[in-house]
Protein backbone atom coordinates (compact mmCIF):
# COMPACT_ATOMS: atom_id res chain seq x y z
CA UNK A 1 70.15 -14.30 -18.92
CA UNK A 2 67.02 -15.44 -21.35
CA UNK A 3 64.54 -15.92 -18.47
CA UNK A 4 64.37 -19.41 -19.03
CA UNK A 5 64.88 -22.60 -16.72
CA UNK A 6 66.45 -25.49 -16.67
CA UNK A 7 63.66 -27.98 -17.06
CA UNK A 8 62.74 -25.86 -19.98
CA UNK A 9 66.37 -26.18 -21.51
CA UNK A 10 66.32 -29.90 -21.15
CA UNK A 11 62.42 -30.05 -22.64
CA UNK A 12 63.39 -28.40 -25.92
CA UNK A 13 67.02 -30.39 -25.65
CA UNK A 14 65.31 -33.91 -25.73
CA UNK A 15 62.53 -32.89 -28.00
CA UNK A 16 65.06 -32.03 -30.75
CA UNK A 17 67.77 -35.08 -29.33
CA UNK A 18 64.78 -37.78 -29.99
CA UNK A 19 64.00 -37.35 -33.93
CA UNK A 20 64.99 -39.98 -35.94
CA UNK A 21 67.94 -40.02 -37.88
CA UNK A 22 66.44 -39.22 -41.02
CA UNK A 23 64.58 -36.50 -39.91
CA UNK A 24 67.47 -34.76 -38.53
CA UNK A 25 68.85 -35.45 -41.84
CA UNK A 26 66.15 -34.80 -44.34
CA UNK A 27 65.27 -31.16 -42.76
CA UNK A 28 68.06 -28.38 -43.12
CA UNK A 29 67.18 -27.12 -39.69
CA UNK A 30 67.77 -29.86 -38.03
CA UNK A 31 70.89 -31.30 -40.22
CA UNK A 32 73.48 -30.14 -37.48
CA UNK A 33 71.91 -32.76 -35.07
CA UNK A 34 72.75 -35.24 -37.12
CA UNK A 35 76.57 -34.67 -36.45
CA UNK A 36 76.00 -34.76 -32.65
CA UNK A 37 76.66 -38.18 -30.98
CA UNK A 38 74.59 -39.67 -27.87
CA UNK A 39 77.59 -38.44 -25.26
CA UNK A 40 77.36 -35.00 -26.77
CA UNK A 41 73.44 -34.79 -26.89
CA UNK A 42 73.53 -35.45 -22.85
CA UNK A 43 75.69 -33.04 -22.23
CA UNK A 44 73.95 -30.15 -24.25
CA UNK A 45 71.13 -31.52 -22.01
CA UNK A 46 73.06 -31.79 -18.41
CA UNK A 47 72.45 -29.11 -15.94
CA UNK A 48 76.00 -28.56 -15.88
CA UNK A 49 76.36 -27.58 -19.40
CA UNK A 50 73.07 -25.69 -19.34
CA UNK A 51 74.97 -23.24 -15.57
CA UNK A 52 77.86 -23.05 -17.62
CA UNK A 53 77.23 -21.79 -20.72
CA UNK A 54 73.55 -21.04 -21.03
CA UNK A 55 71.77 -19.40 -17.80
CA UNK A 56 74.89 -16.87 -18.26
CA UNK A 57 75.05 -16.45 -22.26
CA UNK A 58 78.61 -17.81 -21.63
CA UNK A 59 77.91 -20.00 -25.38
CA UNK A 60 78.15 -16.78 -27.13
CA UNK A 61 82.01 -16.40 -26.45
CA UNK A 62 82.49 -19.75 -28.76
CA UNK A 63 82.67 -18.08 -32.15
CA UNK A 64 80.86 -21.13 -34.12
CA UNK A 65 78.24 -21.01 -32.06
CA UNK A 66 77.66 -17.56 -33.52
CA UNK A 67 78.29 -18.81 -36.69
CA UNK A 68 75.14 -18.98 -39.42
CA UNK A 69 75.34 -20.00 -43.15
CA UNK A 70 72.99 -18.59 -45.36
CA UNK A 71 71.56 -19.76 -48.53
CA UNK A 72 68.36 -21.04 -50.96
CA UNK A 73 66.78 -24.19 -51.02
CA UNK A 74 64.45 -25.56 -53.84
CA UNK A 75 60.67 -26.19 -52.31
CA UNK A 76 58.97 -29.10 -54.45
CA UNK A 77 57.13 -26.54 -56.20
CA UNK A 78 60.50 -25.02 -57.78
CA UNK A 79 60.06 -21.44 -56.09
CA UNK A 80 63.32 -20.81 -53.40
CA UNK A 81 63.14 -20.33 -49.56
CA UNK A 82 65.55 -17.90 -48.55
CA UNK A 83 67.19 -19.81 -45.25
CA UNK A 84 69.45 -20.09 -42.84
CA UNK A 85 71.77 -22.51 -40.78
CA UNK A 86 72.37 -22.18 -37.40
CA UNK A 87 74.82 -23.61 -34.62
CA UNK A 88 72.84 -26.82 -32.91
CA UNK A 89 73.20 -24.52 -29.48
CA UNK A 90 71.85 -21.54 -30.75
CA UNK A 91 68.61 -22.86 -32.44
CA UNK A 92 68.07 -25.17 -28.82
CA UNK A 93 68.35 -21.47 -26.98
CA UNK A 94 66.19 -19.81 -29.67
CA UNK A 95 63.83 -22.47 -29.46
CA UNK A 96 64.04 -22.68 -25.64
CA UNK A 97 62.94 -19.21 -25.37
CA UNK A 98 59.65 -19.46 -27.65
CA UNK A 99 58.56 -22.95 -25.43
CA UNK A 100 58.89 -20.55 -22.58
CA UNK A 101 57.06 -18.02 -24.15
CA UNK A 102 54.73 -20.94 -24.47
CA UNK A 103 54.33 -21.76 -21.60
CA UNK A 104 53.33 -18.55 -20.17
CA UNK A 105 51.70 -17.49 -22.89
CA UNK A 106 47.44 -16.93 -22.33
CA UNK A 107 45.84 -16.48 -25.51
CA UNK A 108 42.78 -13.91 -25.02
CA UNK A 109 41.65 -13.78 -28.76
CA UNK A 110 38.51 -14.59 -30.30
CA UNK A 111 37.41 -17.68 -29.30
CA UNK A 112 37.00 -18.40 -33.11
CA UNK A 113 40.51 -17.19 -34.21
CA UNK A 114 43.17 -20.47 -34.63
CA UNK A 115 46.99 -20.08 -34.53
CA UNK A 116 49.39 -22.33 -35.60
CA UNK A 117 52.75 -22.87 -35.46
CA UNK A 118 55.31 -25.12 -37.36
CA UNK A 119 55.93 -27.72 -34.05
CA UNK A 120 53.59 -27.88 -30.99
CA UNK A 121 55.42 -26.26 -28.14
CA UNK A 122 52.35 -27.84 -25.92
CA UNK A 123 53.07 -31.35 -26.68
CA UNK A 124 56.69 -30.50 -27.08
CA UNK A 125 56.73 -31.75 -30.68
CA UNK A 126 58.98 -30.43 -33.59
CA UNK A 127 57.73 -32.11 -36.55
CA UNK A 128 54.67 -29.72 -37.87
CA UNK A 129 52.46 -32.62 -39.62
CA UNK A 130 50.28 -33.30 -36.80
CA UNK A 131 49.40 -29.78 -36.63
CA UNK A 132 49.85 -29.06 -40.24
CA UNK A 133 47.04 -31.55 -40.64
CA UNK A 134 44.88 -30.07 -37.93
CA UNK A 135 45.02 -27.02 -39.37
CA UNK A 136 43.71 -28.16 -42.79
CA UNK A 137 41.06 -30.07 -40.86
CA UNK A 138 39.47 -26.79 -39.50
CA UNK A 139 39.64 -24.90 -42.97
CA UNK A 140 37.67 -27.64 -43.96
CA UNK A 141 35.41 -27.39 -41.12
CA UNK A 142 35.37 -23.35 -42.35
CA UNK A 143 34.53 -23.73 -45.57
CA UNK A 144 31.71 -25.64 -45.31
CA UNK A 145 30.11 -22.95 -42.40
CA UNK A 146 31.76 -19.69 -44.08
CA UNK A 147 31.47 -17.72 -46.96
CA UNK A 148 34.75 -16.25 -46.51
CA UNK A 149 38.18 -16.88 -44.80
CA UNK A 150 41.77 -16.21 -44.34
CA UNK A 151 44.66 -18.22 -44.56
CA UNK A 152 48.41 -15.71 -43.72
CA UNK A 153 51.78 -17.66 -44.26
CA UNK A 154 54.08 -14.86 -43.05
CA UNK A 155 57.49 -16.88 -44.27
CA UNK A 156 58.47 -14.66 -46.40
CA UNK A 157 57.64 -11.87 -44.24
CA UNK A 158 60.84 -11.10 -42.62
CA UNK A 159 63.34 -11.40 -45.50
CA UNK A 160 60.91 -8.90 -47.26
CA UNK A 161 61.83 -5.70 -44.67
CA UNK A 162 64.29 -3.16 -45.86
CA UNK A 163 66.91 -2.58 -42.81
CA UNK A 164 69.17 0.01 -44.67
CA UNK A 165 67.58 2.84 -42.74
CA UNK A 166 70.24 5.50 -45.02
CA UNK A 167 67.30 4.44 -48.13
CA UNK A 168 64.17 5.82 -46.47
CA UNK A 169 65.63 9.34 -45.81
CA UNK A 170 63.53 12.34 -46.70
CA UNK A 171 64.24 14.60 -49.21
CA UNK A 172 65.05 17.40 -48.21
CA UNK A 173 64.81 20.47 -50.65
CA UNK A 174 67.27 23.56 -50.68
CA UNK A 175 64.84 26.07 -51.98
C-alpha cells in the first residue's frame, strides 16, 4: 500500500523503541511510546503485525489510530510552536515512509549545498543533537570561508499556508 518493506518497518520501529524512557517522556512526539510495554513493541514491530495491519493499511480502520491532538508548546525562548500529537502507529508509518524515501533518494545537488533533517535515517538516529552539532560545525566553517550564507528553517512554513480555497476567489465585476 505505502511501498515500504517489512525490513524498513522493523528498522524504524527499532529506532524509536530503543529510545530511553527519559527521552520518550521529554519529547511530545515520542511521549506516546512511553506508554507502550515491551510486549507492545515486540508485537508492533513483528512481521505478523506488519502483514495484518500495516502492509494493507488496515490500521486506519481503528478510530484511535487516526486521532490527532493539536496544541501549542512554549519554546525555551518564550515563543509558541504549533504542535500535533499522533497515535504511535501513525507516527511510525509516517516515519517509515520517510525512511523508505531516504533509502531510494539520490541527491543530485551542488556539492556546496548541505541539507539536514531533525534526525538521521542513514544512521537510524531519532534524536537530532548529533546532526545539529554537525550542522553548526559546518556553519562555522562556512562563516570563515564565505561572505554570505543562507540558513532556512521550514518549521512554521506549512501552518502559515491558508488552505481555505473560498477565501481566494477572484472578485468578479457585474458591470
